[in-house]
Each structure stands twice: as C-alpha cells, then as structure tokens.
Amino acid sequence: MSNKPKPDPAELRARLSPTAYAVTQHKDTERPYTGEYLDNKTQGVYHCICCGEPLFHSASKFDSGCGWPSFFEPCDSQQVAEHLDMSHGMIRTEVTCQHCGAHLGHVFNDGPAPTGLRYCINSVSLDFSAISDSDSDTSS
C-alpha cells in the first residue's frame, strides 16, 4: 500500500466527474454498457481514479457480458478491500481501493479460471495507463 496521503474530498469533487464522484464516494453505479473501459483491449494497468494506486492489469480482464469491465484478479490482493454489502435487497461483496476507500464495484464467485472470481468494476472508478511494446519488451 502507498504512503502517499489520501485525496481530499474537496479536491476529488473538483477533479472528478459528477458520476465518478458519486460512484467512488457514495457507492453509486454507472449504467451498464456505458463505461469507457468496457471494451478496452489495450495492454496496461487500471488505477484508482481517486488516488492512483494500481488495481488491475489488463491481462486479468475478460468479457463477462455483465456490462462493466471485469477482471479475474487484482494486481495485488493488498490493493483492494472487500466488504459485505447488503444494500438493494441483495447480499454482495463490495470492492474498494485499499488505500483511499473509493468504491470500485463488486466481486462475484462466477468468474473464469484460475481464480473463479469476477471483479465487476465501474469504469469511472478507474484510470488507465497503457503499456507500450517497448515497456513490455524484456529482451536484452
């Protein structure tokens, strides 16, 4: 986990879109099939829109058909926190950024191998950094 300070709520309100603020700070949800990263196939890392912590790698992204970007595992299990969510008459597991507490989405036990998990994440809670071919080239 990062040692950088958590974002100030006033700074977040000024920097984020109204939808991103409502999702990350008030546990709202963006409409399905509308998110910027739903169909993103570029290699890279998805970061928390609020604090910048790396959360998911594109290698773990898959098309679940649920309407939100889906991942079968976080970059590091220490980067996300899970909480019981009994809102809206359902029992689910909420996923938040471990560093700043931003609401990301939910995790379900119906994902693909190797984890069997489906992290269903709001696009507006994420920022994306592409990895160029030269960044991923490990040859010397």
Protein backbone atom coordinates (compact mmCIF):
# COMPACT_ATOMS: atom_id res chain seq x y z
CA MET A 1 0.00 0.00 0.00
CA SER A 2 1.14 3.52 -0.80
CA ASN A 3 2.47 6.01 1.73
CA LYS A 4 1.02 8.96 -0.18
CA PRO A 5 -1.82 10.87 1.52
CA LYS A 6 -5.44 10.06 0.78
CA PRO A 7 -7.14 12.52 -1.59
CA ASP A 8 -9.03 15.42 -0.03
CA PRO A 9 -12.83 15.23 -0.61
CA ALA A 10 -12.95 18.82 -1.93
CA GLU A 11 -10.12 18.10 -4.37
CA LEU A 12 -11.91 14.94 -5.53
CA ARG A 13 -15.18 16.81 -6.08
CA ALA A 14 -13.33 19.39 -8.20
CA ARG A 15 -11.28 16.83 -10.17
CA LEU A 16 -13.74 14.00 -10.81
CA SER A 17 -16.83 13.99 -13.00
CA PRO A 18 -20.11 14.07 -11.06
CA THR A 19 -20.66 10.38 -11.93
CA ALA A 20 -17.16 9.35 -10.86
CA TYR A 21 -17.58 11.24 -7.58
CA ALA A 22 -20.99 9.64 -6.92
CA VAL A 23 -19.65 6.15 -7.68
CA THR A 24 -16.39 6.36 -5.75
CA GLN A 25 -17.58 8.41 -2.78
CA HIS A 26 -21.27 7.46 -2.45
CA LYS A 27 -21.28 3.86 -3.79
CA ASP A 28 -23.37 4.72 -6.82
CA THR A 29 -23.12 2.65 -10.03
CA GLU A 30 -22.62 3.76 -13.60
CA ARG A 31 -25.14 2.50 -16.13
CA PRO A 32 -24.17 -0.85 -17.70
CA TYR A 33 -22.60 -0.87 -21.17
CA THR A 34 -21.69 2.83 -20.95
CA GLY A 35 -18.24 2.72 -19.35
CA GLU A 36 -15.12 3.95 -21.11
CA TYR A 37 -13.13 0.79 -20.35
CA LEU A 38 -15.75 -1.87 -21.01
CA ASP A 39 -14.33 -2.79 -24.44
CA ASN A 40 -10.74 -1.63 -23.86
CA LYS A 41 -8.34 -4.29 -25.20
CA THR A 42 -5.12 -2.28 -24.80
CA GLN A 43 -2.38 -3.73 -22.59
CA GLY A 44 -1.81 -1.77 -19.42
CA VAL A 45 -2.75 -1.15 -15.83
CA TYR A 46 -6.02 0.15 -14.38
CA HIS A 47 -5.50 2.55 -11.45
CA CYS A 48 -7.83 4.01 -8.82
CA ILE A 49 -9.22 7.27 -10.26
CA CYS A 50 -9.03 8.87 -6.81
CA CYS A 51 -5.53 8.05 -5.57
CA GLY A 52 -3.69 6.44 -8.50
CA GLU A 53 -2.99 3.08 -6.87
CA PRO A 54 -2.59 0.21 -9.40
CA LEU A 55 -5.59 -2.12 -9.10
CA PHE A 56 -5.98 -4.42 -12.12
CA HIS A 57 -3.77 -5.48 -15.01
CA SER A 58 -5.23 -5.84 -18.50
CA ALA A 59 -4.02 -9.48 -18.54
CA SER A 60 -6.73 -10.30 -15.97
CA LYS A 61 -9.53 -8.51 -17.88
CA PHE A 62 -12.20 -10.60 -19.60
CA ASP A 63 -15.57 -10.10 -21.27
CA SER A 64 -18.15 -11.30 -18.77
CA GLY A 65 -21.14 -9.84 -20.60
CA CYS A 66 -22.29 -8.05 -17.43
CA GLY A 67 -21.94 -4.51 -18.81
CA TRP A 68 -18.95 -3.41 -16.71
CA PRO A 69 -15.23 -4.11 -17.05
CA SER A 70 -14.49 -7.48 -15.41
CA PHE A 71 -11.25 -8.89 -14.04
CA PHE A 72 -10.45 -12.29 -12.52
CA GLU A 73 -7.87 -10.90 -10.06
CA PRO A 74 -6.38 -7.62 -8.84
CA CYS A 75 -2.73 -6.71 -9.47
CA ASP A 76 -2.11 -7.33 -5.78
CA SER A 77 -4.70 -8.60 -3.31
CA GLN A 78 -3.41 -5.99 -0.84
CA GLN A 79 -4.60 -3.18 -3.14
CA VAL A 80 -8.32 -3.95 -2.85
CA ALA A 81 -10.53 -4.41 0.18
CA GLU A 82 -13.74 -6.43 0.35
CA HIS A 83 -16.81 -5.55 2.43
CA LEU A 84 -20.20 -7.15 2.95
CA ASP A 85 -22.86 -5.19 1.02
CA MET A 86 -26.50 -5.89 1.89
CA SER A 87 -27.96 -2.89 0.04
CA HIS A 88 -30.74 -3.06 -2.55
CA GLY A 89 -32.12 -6.31 -1.11
CA MET A 90 -29.02 -8.30 -2.15
CA ILE A 91 -26.06 -9.84 -0.40
CA ARG A 92 -22.88 -8.99 -2.31
CA THR A 93 -19.21 -8.30 -1.72
CA GLU A 94 -18.24 -4.69 -2.34
CA VAL A 95 -14.73 -3.92 -3.58
CA THR A 96 -12.96 -0.71 -2.55
CA CYS A 97 -9.48 0.73 -3.04
CA GLN A 98 -7.46 -0.32 0.00
CA HIS A 99 -5.54 2.97 0.01
CA CYS A 100 -8.29 5.58 -0.24
CA GLY A 101 -11.54 3.65 0.26
CA ALA A 102 -13.03 4.55 -3.13
CA HIS A 103 -15.93 2.30 -4.15
CA LEU A 104 -14.91 0.29 -7.23
CA GLY A 105 -17.70 -2.25 -7.70
CA HIS A 106 -18.36 -5.82 -6.54
CA VAL A 107 -16.74 -9.25 -6.74
CA PHE A 108 -18.66 -12.43 -7.53
CA ASN A 109 -17.77 -16.14 -7.49
CA ASP A 110 -18.74 -16.78 -11.12
CA GLY A 111 -15.56 -15.83 -12.96
CA PRO A 112 -13.15 -17.83 -15.08
CA ALA A 113 -10.11 -19.88 -14.08
CA PRO A 114 -7.69 -19.57 -12.50
CA THR A 115 -9.48 -17.72 -9.65
CA GLY A 116 -13.17 -18.29 -10.35
CA LEU A 117 -13.76 -14.63 -9.44
CA ARG A 118 -15.38 -11.78 -11.39
CA TYR A 119 -14.43 -8.32 -10.20
CA CYS A 120 -17.21 -6.22 -11.77
CA ILE A 121 -15.77 -2.69 -11.72
CA ASN A 122 -17.19 0.71 -12.66
CA SER A 123 -15.15 2.33 -15.45
CA VAL A 124 -15.49 5.74 -13.80
CA SER A 125 -13.64 4.46 -10.73
CA LEU A 126 -10.61 3.66 -12.90
CA ASP A 127 -7.87 5.42 -14.82
CA PHE A 128 -5.84 3.50 -17.40
CA SER A 129 -2.14 3.56 -18.28
CA ALA A 130 -1.21 1.76 -21.47
CA ILE A 131 1.96 -0.30 -21.67
CA SER A 132 3.85 0.32 -24.90
CA ASP A 133 5.54 -2.53 -26.75
CA SER A 134 8.92 -1.19 -25.59
CA ASP A 135 7.72 -1.20 -21.96
CA SER A 136 6.72 -4.86 -22.21
CA ASP A 137 9.81 -5.98 -24.15
CA THR A 138 12.03 -7.94 -21.78
CA SER A 139 14.69 -8.98 -24.28
CA SER A 140 18.20 -7.54 -23.98
